[in-house]
Amino acid sequence: MSDKRKINHEKHAYPVPPDSIGTQDTDIPMYESVPQGRKRFVRSIRRRTSINYLLYSIILLIVLWIAFFIFLFSVYGSMQRTHIEDVGARASQAFPIKIDDHGMDLYRDRMRGMASSEEVAMAVFTVDDDMINVLFVVDSMGNIASELYVPVSSVMENDDIGWIYDNQGKVCKMSTVEGSYMCYGTVHDTVNGSAYLLVMKKYEIFNQQSVRLIGVLVICTVVVLLLSVMFSMFASKVQTRQIADFSQKAKRLASGDFNVRFSGDGVDEYDNLANALNAAKDEMKKAEKMQRDLVANVSHDIRTPLTMIRAYAEMLRDMPVDEKKRKKTADVIISEAERLNVLVDDVLNYSKLEAGVLEYKLEPCDLSKTAEATLMRFDIFRERDGIKFEKHIEKGAVAECDKQKIEQVLYNLVINAVNYSGDDNTVILSVAKKQDGGVRVEVSDHGKGIAPDEIDSVWDRYYRSARNKRTTVGSGLGLSICKSILMGHGAEYGVRSELGKGSTFWFELGGSGKQ
């Protein structure tokens, strides 16, 4: 086919435009970024959760819109191309061998139905020299064009129409003054010569069908956003309800209500948090009880020696000058003051042990002499209360330890035995050397003993047995302090007890030169 040609259609002939249609550059708009204002800081977890759900829904919708337009501009165009090729192949297969009036009439009637159902335009023409003779034209509604269908004319007059037939059987996209068209063209050899078939459809991304799809998508987007708002508010309320419950109960706990109970409502994270809060509550309750016990114990134990000190001081002030009575009275005052000093030391030392600030100065220490010196401090109990002290102290029992702290351990164990000494008022202190060079120390009493279910608790702070015969003296921290000091030395320790027969507290230290 020649580049320049004329078209004859019955009485009408259309000259081919001398110039082809050029493409126009499309300017890409430049969008300036809009400065965002400061983001509002939302402190409510419920509001944050709602916003997160809403943002998640918006992101999904944005992804949906992006996917839609990718489909519209790529997949939809590919579908149009495949559709035109399918229609063109069927029209090409039905092309008549003869292009006389009878053959063209039958073919034209058949193509009208195909053009109407497939929404395509068709044209059949021949070429004689530079003239195009149109045999028939069918528009996209299946009508026979009385005049040359303008879109068909715009394609046929285009200078690039030749490459449609150079790619015979393949769809080509062509831009004309009437718009862009998907064109399919084939050349057929008939008994009357070569004839040309042209199948075309306007390339419309935003046609009626796609506009309807966009409209449906817009409606769906609005509905989804509304549902997302309602769902996010409901879901955030449900998910934060448990946190609000935790918050209310935590406030009650902070005000001193230990009857609250945290529950996780079957959610793993909430269950873990509830368990942690319940454990913290139990510890707070225990600590609060221990604090009350400490205050009660110390208050009680301080009141007794203070009363004694005051009474004997008044007696000393008012009594006639008698050197023997004065000395005895002064001894009582000194003893009670010592008891006060022990109470204060217990509290201070335990605080230091709990804080882990105590340091241990390990050096060879003769525990035989230390035990003897410790028992001498209890002479007042022998004279005043009739306590009997038995000692089985092996000489030369030297161990590697902090002398001052081990002396405190001995003092606390002996005072504990005094408090629970039983009817015979006997306390037994034993110090013996071991075969491996270590030293074993035992402090025994003949009291009522410790029940098996209380054995593991005797080393706890504030522990006191309910079976002692007299009101005990001390802060309730003595054995707990012993435990901490012995653990600091890496010593072995324990207690043996039998109900009705008494108890024996013991510990072992390594020999001189050992840790």
Protein backbone atom coordinates (compact mmCIF):
# COMPACT_ATOMS: atom_id res chain seq x y z
CA MET A 1 0.00 0.00 0.00
CA SER A 2 1.27 3.48 -0.84
CA ASP A 3 1.84 6.17 1.78
CA LYS A 4 -0.58 8.63 0.11
CA ARG A 5 -3.94 7.41 -1.06
CA LYS A 6 -7.56 8.46 -1.63
CA ILE A 7 -10.69 6.69 -0.45
CA ASN A 8 -13.75 6.07 -2.68
CA HIS A 9 -17.02 5.15 -0.99
CA GLU A 10 -19.91 5.39 -3.40
CA LYS A 11 -20.25 9.14 -3.96
CA HIS A 12 -17.76 10.22 -1.34
CA ALA A 13 -14.03 10.42 -1.69
CA TYR A 14 -11.78 11.54 1.18
CA PRO A 15 -8.31 12.84 0.50
CA VAL A 16 -5.62 11.59 2.80
CA PRO A 17 -4.34 14.40 5.06
CA PRO A 18 -0.85 15.43 3.97
CA ASP A 19 0.60 15.34 7.48
CA SER A 20 0.44 12.63 10.03
CA ILE A 21 -0.80 13.27 13.52
CA GLY A 22 2.07 13.93 15.90
CA THR A 23 2.16 13.02 19.52
CA GLN A 24 1.95 15.71 22.16
CA ASP A 25 4.20 15.85 25.16
CA THR A 26 2.40 15.44 28.41
CA ASP A 27 3.63 17.65 31.18
CA ILE A 28 3.93 15.85 34.49
CA PRO A 29 2.59 18.08 37.25
CA MET A 30 4.93 18.76 40.10
CA TYR A 31 3.36 18.57 43.52
CA GLU A 32 4.83 20.50 46.38
CA SER A 33 4.89 18.70 49.68
CA VAL A 34 2.41 20.16 52.10
CA PRO A 35 4.02 20.80 55.45
CA GLN A 36 2.42 18.69 58.11
CA GLY A 37 1.43 20.20 61.40
CA ARG A 38 2.63 18.83 64.64
CA LYS A 39 1.23 15.46 65.36
CA ARG A 40 -1.10 15.44 68.25
CA PHE A 41 0.19 13.32 71.08
CA VAL A 42 -2.61 11.00 72.14
CA ARG A 43 -1.96 9.64 75.60
CA SER A 44 -4.96 7.33 75.84
CA ILE A 45 -4.23 3.70 74.90
CA ARG A 46 -7.82 3.33 73.77
CA ARG A 47 -7.51 6.26 71.36
CA ARG A 48 -4.15 5.06 70.11
CA THR A 49 -5.60 1.62 69.44
CA SER A 50 -8.54 3.15 67.55
CA ILE A 51 -6.22 5.28 65.45
CA ASN A 52 -3.98 2.28 64.71
CA TYR A 53 -6.93 0.23 63.48
CA LEU A 54 -8.16 3.14 61.36
CA LEU A 55 -4.70 3.73 59.87
CA TYR A 56 -4.42 0.02 59.09
CA SER A 57 -7.74 0.16 57.22
CA ILE A 58 -6.66 3.27 55.30
CA ILE A 59 -3.40 1.59 54.29
CA LEU A 60 -5.32 -1.43 53.01
CA LEU A 61 -7.62 0.83 51.00
CA ILE A 62 -4.65 2.68 49.51
CA VAL A 63 -3.12 -0.65 48.51
CA LEU A 64 -6.47 -1.65 46.99
CA TRP A 65 -6.68 1.56 44.94
CA ILE A 66 -3.09 1.16 43.74
CA ALA A 67 -3.78 -2.43 42.73
CA PHE A 68 -6.95 -1.33 40.96
CA PHE A 69 -5.19 1.27 38.82
CA ILE A 70 -2.34 -1.12 38.07
CA PHE A 71 -4.94 -3.55 36.84
CA LEU A 72 -6.77 -0.82 34.95
CA PHE A 73 -3.76 0.51 33.06
CA SER A 74 -1.91 -2.73 32.42
CA VAL A 75 -4.08 -5.78 32.81
CA TYR A 76 -7.17 -4.13 31.37
CA GLY A 77 -5.23 -2.93 28.33
CA SER A 78 -3.85 -6.43 27.84
CA MET A 79 -7.37 -7.83 28.08
CA GLN A 80 -8.57 -5.38 25.43
CA ARG A 81 -5.72 -6.42 23.16
CA THR A 82 -6.55 -10.10 23.59
CA HIS A 83 -10.23 -9.40 22.99
CA ILE A 84 -9.60 -7.55 19.71
CA GLU A 85 -7.26 -10.31 18.51
CA ASP A 86 -9.92 -12.92 19.26
CA VAL A 87 -12.64 -10.96 17.43
CA GLY A 88 -10.33 -10.22 14.51
CA ALA A 89 -9.29 -13.89 14.22
CA ARG A 90 -12.94 -14.98 14.05
CA ALA A 91 -13.78 -12.28 11.51
CA SER A 92 -10.74 -13.24 9.45
CA GLN A 93 -11.68 -16.93 9.41
CA ALA A 94 -15.16 -16.05 8.09
CA PHE A 95 -13.83 -13.81 5.30
CA PRO A 96 -15.43 -14.82 1.91
CA ILE A 97 -13.46 -16.22 -1.00
CA LYS A 98 -15.35 -13.97 -3.38
CA ILE A 99 -15.94 -10.29 -2.70
CA ASP A 100 -18.93 -9.95 -5.01
CA ASP A 101 -22.21 -8.43 -3.84
CA HIS A 102 -23.64 -11.74 -2.66
CA GLY A 103 -20.55 -12.72 -0.67
CA MET A 104 -20.13 -9.28 0.85
CA ASP A 105 -23.80 -9.04 1.80
CA LEU A 106 -23.67 -12.30 3.71
CA TYR A 107 -20.35 -11.40 5.32
CA ARG A 108 -21.52 -7.88 6.19
CA ASP A 109 -24.68 -9.18 7.89
CA ARG A 110 -22.64 -11.61 9.93
CA MET A 111 -20.14 -8.90 10.91
CA ARG A 112 -22.96 -6.62 12.04
CA GLY A 113 -23.94 -9.08 14.74
CA MET A 114 -20.33 -9.59 15.76
CA ALA A 115 -19.64 -5.83 15.86
CA SER A 116 -22.72 -5.20 17.98
CA SER A 117 -22.02 -7.98 20.50
CA GLU A 118 -18.29 -7.25 20.78
CA GLU A 119 -18.59 -3.44 20.55
CA VAL A 120 -16.07 -3.11 17.73
CA ALA A 121 -16.06 -1.33 14.40
CA MET A 122 -15.22 -3.18 11.15
CA ALA A 123 -14.34 -2.21 7.64
CA VAL A 124 -13.54 -4.14 4.43
CA PHE A 125 -11.80 -2.36 1.57
CA THR A 126 -9.62 -2.86 -1.48
CA VAL A 127 -6.79 -0.77 -2.83
CA ASP A 128 -6.42 0.20 -6.47
CA ASP A 129 -3.30 2.21 -7.06
CA ASP A 130 -3.60 5.15 -4.67
CA MET A 131 -7.31 4.84 -4.12
CA ILE A 132 -9.01 2.94 -1.25
CA ASN A 133 -12.36 1.50 -2.22
CA VAL A 134 -14.51 0.85 0.83
CA LEU A 135 -16.81 -2.16 0.46
CA PHE A 136 -18.62 -1.70 3.79
CA VAL A 137 -18.23 -0.19 7.21
CA VAL A 138 -19.99 -1.38 10.40
CA ASP A 139 -19.89 0.78 13.52
CA SER A 140 -19.62 -0.50 17.09
CA MET A 141 -23.40 -0.71 17.39
CA GLY A 142 -23.74 -3.01 14.37
CA ASN A 143 -25.08 -0.33 12.04
CA ILE A 144 -24.06 -0.02 8.42
CA ALA A 145 -22.51 3.40 8.01
CA SER A 146 -24.18 5.34 5.24
CA GLU A 147 -21.16 7.51 5.19
CA LEU A 148 -17.68 6.49 6.10
CA TYR A 149 -17.56 6.01 9.86
CA VAL A 150 -15.41 8.86 11.12
CA PRO A 151 -13.16 6.79 13.48
CA VAL A 152 -12.55 4.26 10.67
CA SER A 153 -11.76 7.11 8.33
CA SER A 154 -9.28 8.62 10.80
CA VAL A 155 -7.46 5.28 11.04
CA MET A 156 -7.51 4.57 7.32
CA GLU A 157 -6.21 8.05 6.52
CA ASN A 158 -3.33 7.72 9.00
CA ASP A 159 0.10 7.43 7.44
CA ASP A 160 0.95 4.62 9.87
CA ILE A 161 -1.83 2.31 8.73
CA GLY A 162 0.70 0.25 6.83
CA TRP A 163 2.32 -1.22 9.95
CA ILE A 164 -1.06 -2.63 11.01
CA TYR A 165 -0.86 -5.00 8.07
CA ASP A 166 2.85 -5.48 8.40
CA ASN A 167 2.02 -7.09 11.77
CA GLN A 168 -0.83 -9.10 10.33
CA GLY A 169 -2.84 -10.93 12.98
CA LYS A 170 -1.51 -8.74 15.83
CA VAL A 171 -3.22 -5.83 17.52
CA CYS A 172 -1.59 -2.42 17.12
CA LYS A 173 -2.38 0.73 19.01
CA MET A 174 -2.83 3.82 16.84
CA SER A 175 -3.33 7.45 17.84
CA THR A 176 -5.59 9.60 15.65
CA VAL A 177 -7.41 12.89 15.84
CA GLU A 178 -10.41 10.92 17.13
CA GLY A 179 -8.41 9.28 19.91
CA SER A 180 -6.45 6.07 20.37
CA TYR A 181 -7.67 2.80 18.85
CA MET A 182 -6.73 -0.84 19.12
CA CYS A 183 -6.52 -2.02 15.51
CA TYR A 184 -6.39 -5.49 13.99
CA GLY A 185 -5.82 -5.90 10.27
CA THR A 186 -5.45 -8.81 7.85
CA VAL A 187 -5.01 -9.10 4.08
CA HIS A 188 -7.03 -11.77 2.24
CA ASP A 189 -6.43 -13.15 -1.25
CA THR A 190 -9.74 -13.67 -3.04
CA VAL A 191 -10.68 -14.55 -6.61
CA ASN A 192 -11.22 -10.83 -7.11
CA GLY A 193 -7.84 -9.81 -5.76
CA SER A 194 -6.58 -8.72 -2.36
CA ALA A 195 -9.04 -7.41 0.20
CA TYR A 196 -8.32 -5.79 3.57
CA LEU A 197 -10.14 -6.41 6.86
CA LEU A 198 -9.90 -3.81 9.65
CA VAL A 199 -11.23 -4.46 13.17
CA MET A 200 -10.88 -1.62 15.68
CA LYS A 201 -12.03 -0.50 19.07
CA LYS A 202 -11.46 2.73 20.91
CA TYR A 203 -8.78 2.41 23.57
CA GLU A 204 -10.52 3.78 26.65
CA ILE A 205 -9.17 3.19 30.09
CA PHE A 206 -11.94 5.25 31.62
CA ASN A 207 -14.84 3.91 29.67
CA GLN A 208 -18.31 3.39 31.05
CA GLN A 209 -17.39 0.04 32.55
CA SER A 210 -14.29 1.30 34.29
CA VAL A 211 -16.12 4.40 35.52
CA ARG A 212 -18.77 2.14 37.01
CA LEU A 213 -16.02 0.10 38.68
CA ILE A 214 -14.46 3.26 40.09
CA GLY A 215 -17.85 4.37 41.38
CA VAL A 216 -18.39 1.02 43.08
CA LEU A 217 -14.88 1.22 44.55
CA VAL A 218 -15.56 4.72 45.91
CA ILE A 219 -18.77 3.53 47.58
CA CYS A 220 -16.97 0.50 49.01
CA THR A 221 -14.19 2.75 50.28
CA VAL A 222 -16.62 5.02 52.12
CA VAL A 223 -18.47 2.04 53.59
CA VAL A 224 -15.22 0.38 54.67
CA LEU A 225 -14.01 3.59 56.31
CA LEU A 226 -17.24 3.98 58.25
CA LEU A 227 -17.15 0.34 59.32
CA SER A 228 -13.47 0.73 60.23
CA VAL A 229 -14.24 3.68 62.48
CA MET A 230 -16.99 1.75 64.27
CA PHE A 231 -14.91 -1.41 64.48
CA SER A 232 -11.80 0.42 65.73
CA MET A 233 -13.82 2.12 68.48
CA PHE A 234 -15.42 -1.16 69.51
CA ALA A 235 -12.22 -3.21 69.29
CA SER A 236 -10.15 -0.65 71.18
CA LYS A 237 -12.79 -0.54 73.91
CA VAL A 238 -12.75 -4.33 74.22
CA GLN A 239 -8.95 -4.61 74.14
CA THR A 240 -8.32 -1.83 76.65
CA ARG A 241 -11.10 -2.83 79.01
CA GLN A 242 -8.77 -5.20 80.81
CA ILE A 243 -6.08 -2.52 81.12
CA ALA A 244 -8.66 -0.15 82.62
CA ASP A 245 -9.58 -2.87 85.10
CA PHE A 246 -5.89 -3.32 85.97
CA SER A 247 -5.57 0.43 86.47
CA GLN A 248 -8.56 0.65 88.83
CA LYS A 249 -7.41 -2.33 90.89
CA ALA A 250 -3.85 -0.98 90.99
CA LYS A 251 -5.18 2.27 92.47
CA ARG A 252 -7.06 0.28 95.12
CA LEU A 253 -3.88 -1.66 95.83
CA ALA A 254 -1.88 1.56 96.14
CA SER A 255 -4.40 2.81 98.70
CA GLY A 256 -3.78 -0.29 100.83
CA ASP A 257 -6.57 -2.61 99.69
CA PHE A 258 -4.88 -6.02 99.45
CA ASN A 259 -8.12 -7.87 98.72
CA VAL A 260 -8.00 -7.02 95.00
CA ARG A 261 -7.35 -9.85 92.59
CA PHE A 262 -6.04 -9.32 89.07
CA SER A 263 -7.28 -11.60 86.26
CA GLY A 264 -6.11 -11.83 82.66
CA ASP A 265 -9.39 -12.84 81.01
CA GLY A 266 -7.76 -15.75 79.16
CA VAL A 267 -5.34 -13.61 77.09
CA ASP A 268 -1.72 -14.76 77.46
CA GLU A 269 -0.22 -11.29 77.78
CA TYR A 270 -2.91 -10.17 80.22
CA ASP A 271 -2.59 -13.42 82.17
CA ASN A 272 1.17 -12.86 82.51
CA LEU A 273 0.60 -9.28 83.62
CA ALA A 274 -2.10 -10.38 86.07
CA ASN A 275 0.20 -13.02 87.54
CA ALA A 276 2.98 -10.46 87.93
CA LEU A 277 0.63 -7.97 89.59
CA ASN A 278 -0.79 -10.62 91.92
CA ALA A 279 2.74 -11.68 92.88
CA ALA A 280 3.66 -8.03 93.52
CA LYS A 281 0.49 -7.62 95.58
CA ASP A 282 1.33 -10.68 97.68
CA GLU A 283 4.85 -9.38 98.25
CA MET A 284 3.48 -5.95 99.20
CA LYS A 285 1.03 -7.58 101.58
CA LYS A 286 3.78 -9.68 103.10
CA ALA A 287 6.11 -6.68 103.35
CA GLU A 288 3.38 -4.60 104.95
CA LYS A 289 2.70 -7.34 107.49
CA MET A 290 6.41 -7.69 108.17
CA GLN A 291 6.68 -3.96 108.66
CA ARG A 292 3.82 -4.01 111.16
CA ASP A 293 5.41 -6.97 112.94
CA LEU A 294 8.77 -5.22 113.07
CA VAL A 295 7.26 -2.06 114.49
CA ALA A 296 5.25 -4.07 117.02
CA ASN A 297 8.20 -6.26 118.01
CA VAL A 298 10.71 -3.44 118.30
CA SER A 299 8.19 -1.22 120.10
CA HIS A 300 7.44 -3.97 122.59
CA ASP A 301 11.07 -4.88 123.13
CA ILE A 302 12.17 -1.27 123.50
CA ARG A 303 9.40 -0.48 126.00
CA THR A 304 10.50 -3.21 128.44
CA PRO A 305 14.14 -2.15 128.89
CA LEU A 306 13.17 1.52 128.92
CA THR A 307 10.75 0.83 131.75
CA MET A 308 13.41 -1.11 133.60
CA ILE A 309 16.01 1.60 133.08
CA ARG A 310 13.65 4.28 134.34
CA ALA A 311 12.56 2.28 137.37
CA TYR A 312 16.07 1.37 138.45
CA ALA A 313 17.34 4.90 137.76
CA GLU A 314 14.66 6.31 140.07
CA MET A 315 15.52 3.67 142.62
CA LEU A 316 19.18 4.58 142.35
CA ARG A 317 18.28 8.23 142.80
CA ASP A 318 16.06 7.72 145.84
CA MET A 319 17.73 4.80 147.68
CA PRO A 320 20.15 5.40 150.61
CA VAL A 321 23.79 5.20 149.80
CA ASP A 322 24.55 1.46 149.76
CA GLU A 323 27.45 0.48 147.59
CA LYS A 324 26.25 -3.08 147.02
CA LYS A 325 22.70 -2.11 146.06
CA ARG A 326 23.95 0.79 143.98
CA LYS A 327 26.24 -1.52 142.01
CA LYS A 328 23.46 -4.05 141.48
CA THR A 329 21.06 -1.36 140.32
CA ALA A 330 23.64 0.11 137.97
CA ASP A 331 24.28 -3.36 136.53
CA VAL A 332 20.60 -3.74 135.72
CA ILE A 333 20.54 -0.36 134.01
CA ILE A 334 23.61 -1.24 131.98
CA SER A 335 22.12 -4.63 131.01
CA GLU A 336 18.87 -3.12 129.82
CA ALA A 337 20.76 -0.45 127.88
CA GLU A 338 22.72 -3.26 126.24
CA ARG A 339 19.45 -4.91 125.23
CA LEU A 340 18.39 -1.64 123.57
CA ASN A 341 21.70 -1.50 121.78
CA VAL A 342 21.22 -5.06 120.49
CA LEU A 343 17.76 -4.21 119.11
CA VAL A 344 19.09 -1.18 117.26
CA ASP A 345 22.08 -3.15 115.95
CA ASP A 346 19.79 -5.91 114.65
CA VAL A 347 17.69 -3.48 112.66
CA LEU A 348 20.70 -1.59 111.28
CA ASN A 349 22.66 -4.72 110.43
CA TYR A 350 19.75 -6.34 108.68
CA SER A 351 19.21 -3.22 106.58
CA LYS A 352 22.88 -3.34 105.56
CA LEU A 353 22.65 -7.05 104.74
CA GLU A 354 19.57 -6.49 102.62
CA ALA A 355 21.32 -3.66 100.76
CA GLY A 356 24.42 -5.84 100.26
CA VAL A 357 26.81 -3.19 101.60
CA LEU A 358 28.42 -5.27 104.35
CA GLU A 359 32.03 -6.26 103.70
CA TYR A 360 33.67 -9.34 105.17
CA LYS A 361 37.21 -9.17 106.54
CA LEU A 362 38.35 -12.79 106.61
CA GLU A 363 41.22 -13.70 108.87
CA PRO A 364 42.19 -16.53 111.24
CA CYS A 365 39.93 -16.37 114.27
CA ASP A 366 40.04 -18.50 117.46
CA LEU A 367 36.36 -19.42 117.82
CA SER A 368 37.10 -21.03 121.19
CA LYS A 369 37.98 -17.66 122.69
CA THR A 370 35.17 -15.92 120.79
CA ALA A 371 32.61 -18.37 122.21
CA GLU A 372 33.94 -17.90 125.76
CA ALA A 373 33.74 -14.11 125.44
CA THR A 374 30.21 -14.34 124.06
CA LEU A 375 28.97 -16.42 126.98
CA MET A 376 30.39 -13.88 129.45
CA ARG A 377 27.98 -11.30 128.03
CA PHE A 378 25.10 -13.45 129.29
CA ASP A 379 26.11 -13.52 132.96
CA ILE A 380 23.25 -11.15 133.71
CA PHE A 381 20.77 -13.80 132.50
CA ARG A 382 22.42 -16.36 134.80
CA GLU A 383 22.06 -14.10 137.81
CA ARG A 384 18.70 -12.55 137.02
CA ASP A 385 16.75 -15.32 135.26
CA GLY A 386 18.55 -18.41 136.46
CA ILE A 387 19.66 -19.47 132.99
CA LYS A 388 22.21 -22.31 133.05
CA PHE A 389 24.93 -22.21 130.43
CA GLU A 390 26.76 -25.42 129.58
CA LYS A 391 29.80 -25.16 127.38
CA HIS A 392 31.75 -27.81 125.49
CA ILE A 393 34.45 -25.71 123.88
CA GLU A 394 37.50 -27.36 122.38
CA LYS A 395 40.55 -25.16 122.57
CA GLY A 396 42.42 -24.06 119.47
CA ALA A 397 39.38 -24.14 117.16
CA VAL A 398 40.64 -21.64 114.59
CA ALA A 399 38.62 -20.76 111.47
CA GLU A 400 38.93 -18.28 108.60
CA CYS A 401 36.14 -15.75 109.17
CA ASP A 402 35.13 -12.22 110.02
CA LYS A 403 35.46 -12.28 113.81
CA GLN A 404 33.05 -9.46 114.56
CA LYS A 405 30.26 -10.88 112.39
CA ILE A 406 30.68 -14.46 113.60
CA GLU A 407 30.56 -13.12 117.16
CA GLN A 408 27.23 -11.54 116.26
CA VAL A 409 26.03 -14.91 114.92
CA LEU A 410 27.00 -16.59 118.20
CA TYR A 411 25.29 -13.89 120.24
CA ASN A 412 22.05 -14.18 118.21
CA LEU A 413 21.99 -17.98 118.46
CA VAL A 414 22.59 -17.90 122.22
CA ILE A 415 19.91 -15.24 122.83
CA ASN A 416 17.53 -17.30 120.72
CA ALA A 417 18.31 -20.36 122.89
CA VAL A 418 17.74 -18.27 126.03
CA ASN A 419 14.31 -17.25 124.78
CA TYR A 420 13.38 -20.89 124.13
CA SER A 421 15.39 -22.58 126.88
CA GLY A 422 12.56 -24.68 128.25
CA ASP A 423 11.70 -25.66 131.83
CA ASP A 424 15.27 -26.50 132.81
CA ASN A 425 16.54 -23.07 131.70
CA THR A 426 19.57 -24.71 130.08
CA VAL A 427 21.54 -23.47 127.06
CA ILE A 428 24.38 -25.55 125.65
CA LEU A 429 27.20 -24.08 123.50
CA SER A 430 29.58 -26.47 121.72
CA VAL A 431 32.67 -25.64 119.66
CA ALA A 432 34.57 -28.56 118.09
CA LYS A 433 37.34 -28.99 115.57
CA LYS A 434 36.60 -31.11 112.50
CA GLN A 435 38.93 -33.66 110.94
CA ASP A 436 39.28 -31.55 107.78
CA GLY A 437 40.52 -28.59 109.83
CA GLY A 438 37.19 -26.78 110.00
CA VAL A 439 35.15 -25.80 113.05
CA ARG A 440 31.61 -26.83 114.00
CA VAL A 441 29.55 -24.69 116.38
CA GLU A 442 26.27 -25.83 117.99
CA VAL A 443 23.84 -23.97 120.25
CA SER A 444 21.15 -26.13 121.88
CA ASP A 445 18.18 -25.65 124.18
CA HIS A 446 15.68 -27.98 125.89
CA GLY A 447 12.59 -26.07 124.88
CA LYS A 448 9.43 -27.34 123.23
CA GLY A 449 11.13 -27.61 119.85
CA ILE A 450 10.03 -26.63 116.36
CA ALA A 451 7.21 -28.28 114.42
CA PRO A 452 8.30 -29.97 111.16
CA ASP A 453 6.17 -27.56 109.13
CA GLU A 454 8.03 -24.60 110.69
CA ILE A 455 11.60 -25.86 110.25
CA ASP A 456 12.05 -24.12 106.90
CA SER A 457 10.74 -20.83 108.30
CA VAL A 458 12.96 -20.35 111.36
CA TRP A 459 15.61 -18.48 109.36
CA ASP A 460 13.06 -16.04 107.92
CA ARG A 461 12.84 -12.53 109.23
CA TYR A 462 10.27 -11.88 112.01
CA TYR A 463 9.76 -15.61 112.60
CA ARG A 464 8.79 -16.62 116.12
CA SER A 465 7.47 -19.96 117.27
CA ALA A 466 4.13 -20.08 118.96
CA ARG A 467 5.45 -22.64 121.45
CA ASN A 468 7.86 -20.54 123.52
CA LYS A 469 7.08 -20.40 127.22
CA ARG A 470 7.96 -16.75 127.83
CA THR A 471 7.69 -13.45 126.03
CA THR A 472 10.72 -13.38 123.73
CA VAL A 473 13.24 -10.62 123.60
CA GLY A 474 14.48 -9.40 120.23
CA SER A 475 13.50 -7.79 116.96
CA GLY A 476 12.65 -11.01 115.14
CA LEU A 477 15.63 -10.45 112.83
CA GLY A 478 18.30 -12.41 114.74
CA LEU A 479 18.16 -15.73 112.87
CA SER A 480 17.69 -13.99 109.53
CA ILE A 481 20.85 -11.97 110.22
CA CYS A 482 22.68 -15.20 111.13
CA LYS A 483 21.58 -16.75 107.85
CA SER A 484 22.82 -13.78 105.79
CA ILE A 485 26.20 -13.65 107.57
CA LEU A 486 26.76 -17.41 107.27
CA MET A 487 25.83 -17.32 103.58
CA GLY A 488 28.32 -14.46 103.16
CA HIS A 489 31.01 -16.75 104.60
CA GLY A 490 29.95 -19.66 102.40
CA ALA A 491 29.33 -21.67 105.57
CA GLU A 492 27.09 -24.67 106.00
CA TYR A 493 24.32 -24.21 108.58
CA GLY A 494 21.10 -25.79 109.76
CA VAL A 495 18.81 -26.73 112.62
CA ARG A 496 17.75 -30.01 114.24
CA SER A 497 14.64 -30.06 116.35
CA GLU A 498 12.23 -32.46 118.01
CA LEU A 499 8.97 -31.42 119.59
CA GLY A 500 9.14 -31.58 123.38
CA LYS A 501 12.91 -32.05 123.46
CA GLY A 502 14.38 -28.83 122.10
CA SER A 503 16.39 -27.52 119.15
CA THR A 504 20.01 -27.35 118.03
CA PHE A 505 21.26 -24.63 115.68
CA TRP A 506 24.64 -25.31 114.06
CA PHE A 507 27.10 -23.96 111.51
CA GLU A 508 30.47 -25.01 110.13
CA LEU A 509 33.36 -22.82 108.98
CA GLY A 510 36.50 -23.74 107.09
CA GLY A 511 39.80 -23.99 108.93
CA SER A 512 42.46 -21.31 108.95
CA GLY A 513 43.65 -20.62 105.42
CA LYS A 514 40.37 -21.78 103.83
CA GLN A 515 37.46 -19.74 102.55
